[in-house]
Amino acid sequence: MVLKLIGDGMGTRMIADALSISVDTVRNHVQNIFSKLHVHSRVEAVTMAFRGGLVESISGGFQRK
């Protein structure tokens, strides 16, 4: 879900608020995503997820498969 929200253009605080979790928890999730996808940025993570079929592009953002 965090990756989908990143793809939707949300920042850390917005993701935390949307999921009712702390900013630190979001940061931990983002770092885990980076590690698993072997990337170093949010743009790279969303690109890899899109190419790998983890999310699909839809009008207004990305949708998780």
PDB file of N, CA and C in Angstrom:
ATOM      1  N   MET A   1       0.815  -1.181   0.000  1.00  0.00           N
ATOM      2  CA  MET A   1       0.000   0.000   0.000  1.00  0.00           C
ATOM      3  C   MET A   1       0.870   1.260   0.000  1.00  0.00           C
ATOM      4  N   VAL A   2       1.970   1.222   0.729  1.00  0.00           N
ATOM      5  CA  VAL A   2       2.871   2.379   0.780  1.00  0.00           C
ATOM      6  C   VAL A   2       3.396   2.686  -0.623  1.00  0.00           C
ATOM      7  N   LEU A   3       3.769   1.655  -1.362  1.00  0.00           N
ATOM      8  CA  LEU A   3       4.294   1.852  -2.713  1.00  0.00           C
ATOM      9  C   LEU A   3       3.239   2.463  -3.631  1.00  0.00           C
ATOM     10  N   LYS A   4       2.003   2.029  -3.516  1.00  0.00           N
ATOM     11  CA  LYS A   4       0.922   2.607  -4.307  1.00  0.00           C
ATOM     12  C   LYS A   4       0.752   4.085  -3.988  1.00  0.00           C
ATOM     13  N   LEU A   5       0.802   4.424  -2.702  1.00  0.00           N
ATOM     14  CA  LEU A   5       0.632   5.818  -2.300  1.00  0.00           C
ATOM     15  C   LEU A   5       1.804   6.682  -2.746  1.00  0.00           C
ATOM     16  N   ILE A   6       3.004   6.109  -2.746  1.00  0.00           N
ATOM     17  CA  ILE A   6       4.157   6.831  -3.303  1.00  0.00           C
ATOM     18  C   ILE A   6       3.896   7.114  -4.774  1.00  0.00           C
ATOM     19  N   GLY A   7       3.414   6.108  -5.492  1.00  0.00           N
ATOM     20  CA  GLY A   7       3.095   6.269  -6.908  1.00  0.00           C
ATOM     21  C   GLY A   7       2.010   7.296  -7.154  1.00  0.00           C
ATOM     22  N   ASP A   8       1.130   7.463  -6.184  1.00  0.00           N
ATOM     23  CA  ASP A   8       0.070   8.476  -6.278  1.00  0.00           C
ATOM     24  C   ASP A   8       0.601   9.881  -5.980  1.00  0.00           C
ATOM     25  N   GLY A   9       1.895   9.963  -5.627  1.00  0.00           N
ATOM     26  CA  GLY A   9       2.507  11.268  -5.390  1.00  0.00           C
ATOM     27  C   GLY A   9       2.459  11.743  -3.955  1.00  0.00           C
ATOM     28  N   MET A  10       2.060  10.878  -3.040  1.00  0.00           N
ATOM     29  CA  MET A  10       1.977  11.279  -1.639  1.00  0.00           C
ATOM     30  C   MET A  10       3.349  11.311  -0.987  1.00  0.00           C
ATOM     31  N   GLY A  11       3.529  12.243  -0.085  1.00  0.00           N
ATOM     32  CA  GLY A  11       4.738  12.340   0.708  1.00  0.00           C
ATOM     33  C   GLY A  11       4.609  11.517   1.978  1.00  0.00           C
ATOM     34  N   THR A  12       5.675  11.493   2.734  1.00  0.00           N
ATOM     35  CA  THR A  12       5.731  10.675   3.944  1.00  0.00           C
ATOM     36  C   THR A  12       4.612  11.010   4.926  1.00  0.00           C
ATOM     37  N   ARG A  13       4.416  12.263   5.220  1.00  0.00           N
ATOM     38  CA  ARG A  13       3.385  12.681   6.179  1.00  0.00           C
ATOM     39  C   ARG A  13       1.992  12.304   5.677  1.00  0.00           C
ATOM     40  N   MET A  14       1.727  12.523   4.395  1.00  0.00           N
ATOM     41  CA  MET A  14       0.412  12.192   3.827  1.00  0.00           C
ATOM     42  C   MET A  14       0.145  10.692   3.898  1.00  0.00           C
ATOM     43  N   ILE A  15       1.174   9.882   3.624  1.00  0.00           N
ATOM     44  CA  ILE A  15       1.032   8.427   3.696  1.00  0.00           C
ATOM     45  C   ILE A  15       0.743   8.011   5.135  1.00  0.00           C
ATOM     46  N   ALA A  16       1.491   8.583   6.078  1.00  0.00           N
ATOM     47  CA  ALA A  16       1.284   8.266   7.493  1.00  0.00           C
ATOM     48  C   ALA A  16      -0.146   8.583   7.908  1.00  0.00           C
ATOM     49  N   ASP A  17      -0.631   9.738   7.522  1.00  0.00           N
ATOM     50  CA  ASP A  17      -2.000  10.133   7.868  1.00  0.00           C
ATOM     51  C   ASP A  17      -3.028   9.221   7.208  1.00  0.00           C
ATOM     52  N   ALA A  18      -2.808   8.888   5.942  1.00  0.00           N
ATOM     53  CA  ALA A  18      -3.759   8.042   5.212  1.00  0.00           C
ATOM     54  C   ALA A  18      -3.855   6.641   5.803  1.00  0.00           C
ATOM     55  N   LEU A  19      -2.738   6.129   6.300  1.00  0.00           N
ATOM     56  CA  LEU A  19      -2.705   4.767   6.832  1.00  0.00           C
ATOM     57  C   LEU A  19      -2.786   4.708   8.354  1.00  0.00           C
ATOM     58  N   SER A  20      -2.878   5.878   8.977  1.00  0.00           N
ATOM     59  CA  SER A  20      -2.941   5.974  10.451  1.00  0.00           C
ATOM     60  C   SER A  20      -1.749   5.269  11.112  1.00  0.00           C
ATOM     61  N   ILE A  21      -0.561   5.549  10.570  1.00  0.00           N
ATOM     62  CA  ILE A  21       0.687   5.041  11.129  1.00  0.00           C
ATOM     63  C   ILE A  21       1.632   6.211  11.314  1.00  0.00           C
ATOM     64  N   SER A  22       2.727   5.990  12.033  1.00  0.00           N
ATOM     65  CA  SER A  22       3.661   7.077  12.291  1.00  0.00           C
ATOM     66  C   SER A  22       4.535   7.345  11.068  1.00  0.00           C
ATOM     67  N   VAL A  23       5.085   8.541  11.026  1.00  0.00           N
ATOM     68  CA  VAL A  23       6.016   8.925   9.967  1.00  0.00           C
ATOM     69  C   VAL A  23       7.228   7.985   9.981  1.00  0.00           C
ATOM     70  N   ASP A  24       7.704   7.627  11.164  1.00  0.00           N
ATOM     71  CA  ASP A  24       8.846   6.702  11.259  1.00  0.00           C
ATOM     72  C   ASP A  24       8.520   5.344  10.653  1.00  0.00           C
ATOM     73  N   THR A  25       7.293   4.877  10.852  1.00  0.00           N
ATOM     74  CA  THR A  25       6.884   3.597  10.273  1.00  0.00           C
ATOM     75  C   THR A  25       6.862   3.678   8.752  1.00  0.00           C
ATOM     76  N   VAL A  26       6.367   4.778   8.222  1.00  0.00           N
ATOM     77  CA  VAL A  26       6.384   4.973   6.765  1.00  0.00           C
ATOM     78  C   VAL A  26       7.820   4.959   6.261  1.00  0.00           C
ATOM     79  N   ARG A  27       8.696   5.677   6.934  1.00  0.00           N
ATOM     80  CA  ARG A  27      10.102   5.700   6.519  1.00  0.00           C
ATOM     81  C   ARG A  27      10.710   4.303   6.535  1.00  0.00           C
ATOM     82  N   ASN A  28      10.388   3.509   7.554  1.00  0.00           N
ATOM     83  CA  ASN A  28      10.875   2.133   7.611  1.00  0.00           C
ATOM     84  C   ASN A  28      10.352   1.311   6.433  1.00  0.00           C
ATOM     85  N   HIS A  29       9.073   1.464   6.130  1.00  0.00           N
ATOM     86  CA  HIS A  29       8.501   0.748   4.988  1.00  0.00           C
ATOM     87  C   HIS A  29       9.184   1.164   3.685  1.00  0.00           C
ATOM     88  N   VAL A  30       9.399   2.457   3.519  1.00  0.00           N
ATOM     89  CA  VAL A  30      10.046   2.957   2.301  1.00  0.00           C
ATOM     90  C   VAL A  30      11.456   2.383   2.174  1.00  0.00           C
ATOM     91  N   GLN A  31      12.205   2.369   3.257  1.00  0.00           N
ATOM     92  CA  GLN A  31      13.558   1.805   3.215  1.00  0.00           C
ATOM     93  C   GLN A  31      13.530   0.313   2.890  1.00  0.00           C
ATOM     94  N   ASN A  32      12.553  -0.407   3.432  1.00  0.00           N
ATOM     95  CA  ASN A  32      12.409  -1.834   3.118  1.00  0.00           C
ATOM     96  C   ASN A  32      12.064  -2.044   1.644  1.00  0.00           C
ATOM     97  N   ILE A  33      11.207  -1.194   1.112  1.00  0.00           N
ATOM     98  CA  ILE A  33      10.868  -1.259  -0.312  1.00  0.00           C
ATOM     99  C   ILE A  33      12.111  -1.015  -1.154  1.00  0.00           C
ATOM    100  N   PHE A  34      12.877   0.019  -0.812  1.00  0.00           N
ATOM    101  CA  PHE A  34      14.109   0.320  -1.553  1.00  0.00           C
ATOM    102  C   PHE A  34      15.044  -0.883  -1.547  1.00  0.00           C
ATOM    103  N   SER A  35      15.195  -1.495  -0.394  1.00  0.00           N
ATOM    104  CA  SER A  35      16.089  -2.636  -0.253  1.00  0.00           C
ATOM    105  C   SER A  35      15.618  -3.821  -1.103  1.00  0.00           C
ATOM    106  N   LYS A  36      14.343  -4.124  -1.037  1.00  0.00           N
ATOM    107  CA  LYS A  36      13.811  -5.272  -1.776  1.00  0.00           C
ATOM    108  C   LYS A  36      13.855  -5.062  -3.285  1.00  0.00           C
ATOM    109  N   LEU A  37      13.660  -3.822  -3.725  1.00  0.00           N
ATOM    110  CA  LEU A  37      13.683  -3.534  -5.160  1.00  0.00           C
ATOM    111  C   LEU A  37      15.071  -3.138  -5.659  1.00  0.00           C
ATOM    112  N   HIS A  38      16.034  -3.029  -4.740  1.00  0.00           N
ATOM    113  CA  HIS A  38      17.412  -2.632  -5.076  1.00  0.00           C
ATOM    114  C   HIS A  38      17.439  -1.273  -5.788  1.00  0.00           C
ATOM    115  N   VAL A  39      16.757  -0.295  -5.179  1.00  0.00           N
ATOM    116  CA  VAL A  39      16.706   1.063  -5.721  1.00  0.00           C
ATOM    117  C   VAL A  39      17.105   2.052  -4.628  1.00  0.00           C
ATOM    118  N   HIS A  40      17.259   3.312  -5.029  1.00  0.00           N
ATOM    119  CA  HIS A  40      17.706   4.341  -4.093  1.00  0.00           C
ATOM    120  C   HIS A  40      16.785   5.555  -4.012  1.00  0.00           C
ATOM    121  N   SER A  41      15.678   5.530  -4.756  1.00  0.00           N
ATOM    122  CA  SER A  41      14.772   6.673  -4.721  1.00  0.00           C
ATOM    123  C   SER A  41      13.333   6.219  -4.915  1.00  0.00           C
ATOM    124  N   ARG A  42      12.416   7.105  -4.579  1.00  0.00           N
ATOM    125  CA  ARG A  42      10.996   6.816  -4.752  1.00  0.00           C
ATOM    126  C   ARG A  42      10.646   6.674  -6.226  1.00  0.00           C
ATOM    127  N   VAL A  43      11.255   7.489  -7.069  1.00  0.00           N
ATOM    128  CA  VAL A  43      10.992   7.403  -8.510  1.00  0.00           C
ATOM    129  C   VAL A  43      11.432   6.044  -9.037  1.00  0.00           C
ATOM    130  N   GLU A  44      12.618   5.603  -8.637  1.00  0.00           N
ATOM    131  CA  GLU A  44      13.104   4.289  -9.062  1.00  0.00           C
ATOM    132  C   GLU A  44      12.182   3.180  -8.553  1.00  0.00           C
ATOM    133  N   ALA A  45      11.723   3.295  -7.324  1.00  0.00           N
ATOM    134  CA  ALA A  45      10.857   2.267  -6.739  1.00  0.00           C
ATOM    135  C   ALA A  45       9.553   2.152  -7.513  1.00  0.00           C
ATOM    136  N   VAL A  46       8.931   3.277  -7.820  1.00  0.00           N
ATOM    137  CA  VAL A  46       7.669   3.263  -8.563  1.00  0.00           C
ATOM    138  C   VAL A  46       7.900   2.739  -9.977  1.00  0.00           C
ATOM    139  N   THR A  47       8.992   3.137 -10.606  1.00  0.00           N
ATOM    140  CA  THR A  47       9.313   2.657 -11.951  1.00  0.00           C
ATOM    141  C   THR A  47       9.507   1.146 -11.953  1.00  0.00           C
ATOM    142  N   MET A  48      10.274   0.636 -10.995  1.00  0.00           N
ATOM    143  CA  MET A  48      10.509  -0.808 -10.905  1.00  0.00           C
ATOM    144  C   MET A  48       9.203  -1.559 -10.622  1.00  0.00           C
ATOM    145  N   ALA A  49       8.381  -1.023  -9.759  1.00  0.00           N
ATOM    146  CA  ALA A  49       7.107  -1.662  -9.430  1.00  0.00           C
ATOM    147  C   ALA A  49       6.199  -1.704 -10.658  1.00  0.00           C
ATOM    148  N   PHE A  50       6.179  -0.638 -11.416  1.00  0.00           N
ATOM    149  CA  PHE A  50       5.369  -0.575 -12.634  1.00  0.00           C
ATOM    150  C   PHE A  50       5.886  -1.586 -13.649  1.00  0.00           C
ATOM    151  N   ARG A  51       7.179  -1.595 -13.880  1.00  0.00           N
ATOM    152  CA  ARG A  51       7.772  -2.522 -14.844  1.00  0.00           C
ATOM    153  C   ARG A  51       7.620  -3.974 -14.408  1.00  0.00           C
ATOM    154  N   GLY A  52       7.670  -4.213 -13.100  1.00  0.00           N
ATOM    155  CA  GLY A  52       7.544  -5.564 -12.577  1.00  0.00           C
ATOM    156  C   GLY A  52       6.113  -6.033 -12.394  1.00  0.00           C
ATOM    157  N   GLY A  53       5.158  -5.156 -12.702  1.00  0.00           N
ATOM    158  CA  GLY A  53       3.760  -5.530 -12.601  1.00  0.00           C
ATOM    159  C   GLY A  53       3.184  -5.461 -11.199  1.00  0.00           C
ATOM    160  N   LEU A  54       3.897  -4.816 -10.273  1.00  0.00           N
ATOM    161  CA  LEU A  54       3.386  -4.697  -8.907  1.00  0.00           C
ATOM    162  C   LEU A  54       2.294  -3.642  -8.798  1.00  0.00           C
ATOM    163  N   VAL A  55       2.355  -2.631  -9.652  1.00  0.00           N
ATOM    164  CA  VAL A  55       1.325  -1.600  -9.728  1.00  0.00           C
ATOM    165  C   VAL A  55       1.026  -1.359 -11.196  1.00  0.00           C
ATOM    166  N   GLU A  56      -0.177  -0.883 -11.479  1.00  0.00           N
ATOM    167  CA  GLU A  56      -0.515  -0.559 -12.849  1.00  0.00           C
ATOM    168  C   GLU A  56      -0.946   0.898 -12.921  1.00  0.00           C
ATOM    169  N   SER A  57      -0.632   1.517 -14.035  1.00  0.00           N
ATOM    170  CA  SER A  57      -0.956   2.914 -14.224  1.00  0.00           C
ATOM    171  C   SER A  57      -2.444   3.059 -14.511  1.00  0.00           C
ATOM    172  N   ILE A  58      -3.072   4.012 -13.824  1.00  0.00           N
ATOM    173  CA  ILE A  58      -4.461   4.347 -14.088  1.00  0.00           C
ATOM    174  C   ILE A  58      -4.578   5.861 -14.083  1.00  0.00           C
ATOM    175  N   SER A  59      -5.656   6.386 -14.585  1.00  0.00           N
ATOM    176  CA  SER A  59      -5.866   7.829 -14.573  1.00  0.00           C
ATOM    177  C   SER A  59      -5.852   8.341 -13.142  1.00  0.00           C
ATOM    178  N   GLY A  60      -4.999   9.307 -12.867  1.00  0.00           N
ATOM    179  CA  GLY A  60      -4.936   9.883 -11.532  1.00  0.00           C
ATOM    180  C   GLY A  60      -3.938   9.203 -10.616  1.00  0.00           C
ATOM    181  N   GLY A  61      -3.125   8.290 -11.134  1.00  0.00           N
ATOM    182  CA  GLY A  61      -2.123   7.661 -10.292  1.00  0.00           C
ATOM    183  C   GLY A  61      -1.891   6.213 -10.651  1.00  0.00           C
ATOM    184  N   PHE A  62      -1.446   5.448  -9.686  1.00  0.00           N
ATOM    185  CA  PHE A  62      -1.143   4.036  -9.896  1.00  0.00           C
ATOM    186  C   PHE A  62      -2.070   3.202  -9.022  1.00  0.00           C
ATOM    187  N   GLN A  63      -2.380   2.012  -9.506  1.00  0.00           N
ATOM    188  CA  GLN A  63      -3.212   1.107  -8.723  1.00  0.00           C
ATOM    189  C   GLN A  63      -2.430  -0.161  -8.445  1.00  0.00           C
ATOM    190  N   ARG A  64      -2.488  -0.629  -7.211  1.00  0.00           N
ATOM    191  CA  ARG A  64      -1.810  -1.859  -6.819  1.00  0.00           C
ATOM    192  C   ARG A  64      -2.532  -3.053  -7.408  1.00  0.00           C
ATOM    193  N   LYS A  65      -1.783  -4.022  -7.937  1.00  0.00           N
ATOM    194  CA  LYS A  65      -2.408  -5.234  -8.492  1.00  0.00           C
ATOM    195  C   LYS A  65      -2.708  -6.211  -7.404  1.00  0.00           C
TER     196      LYS A  65
END
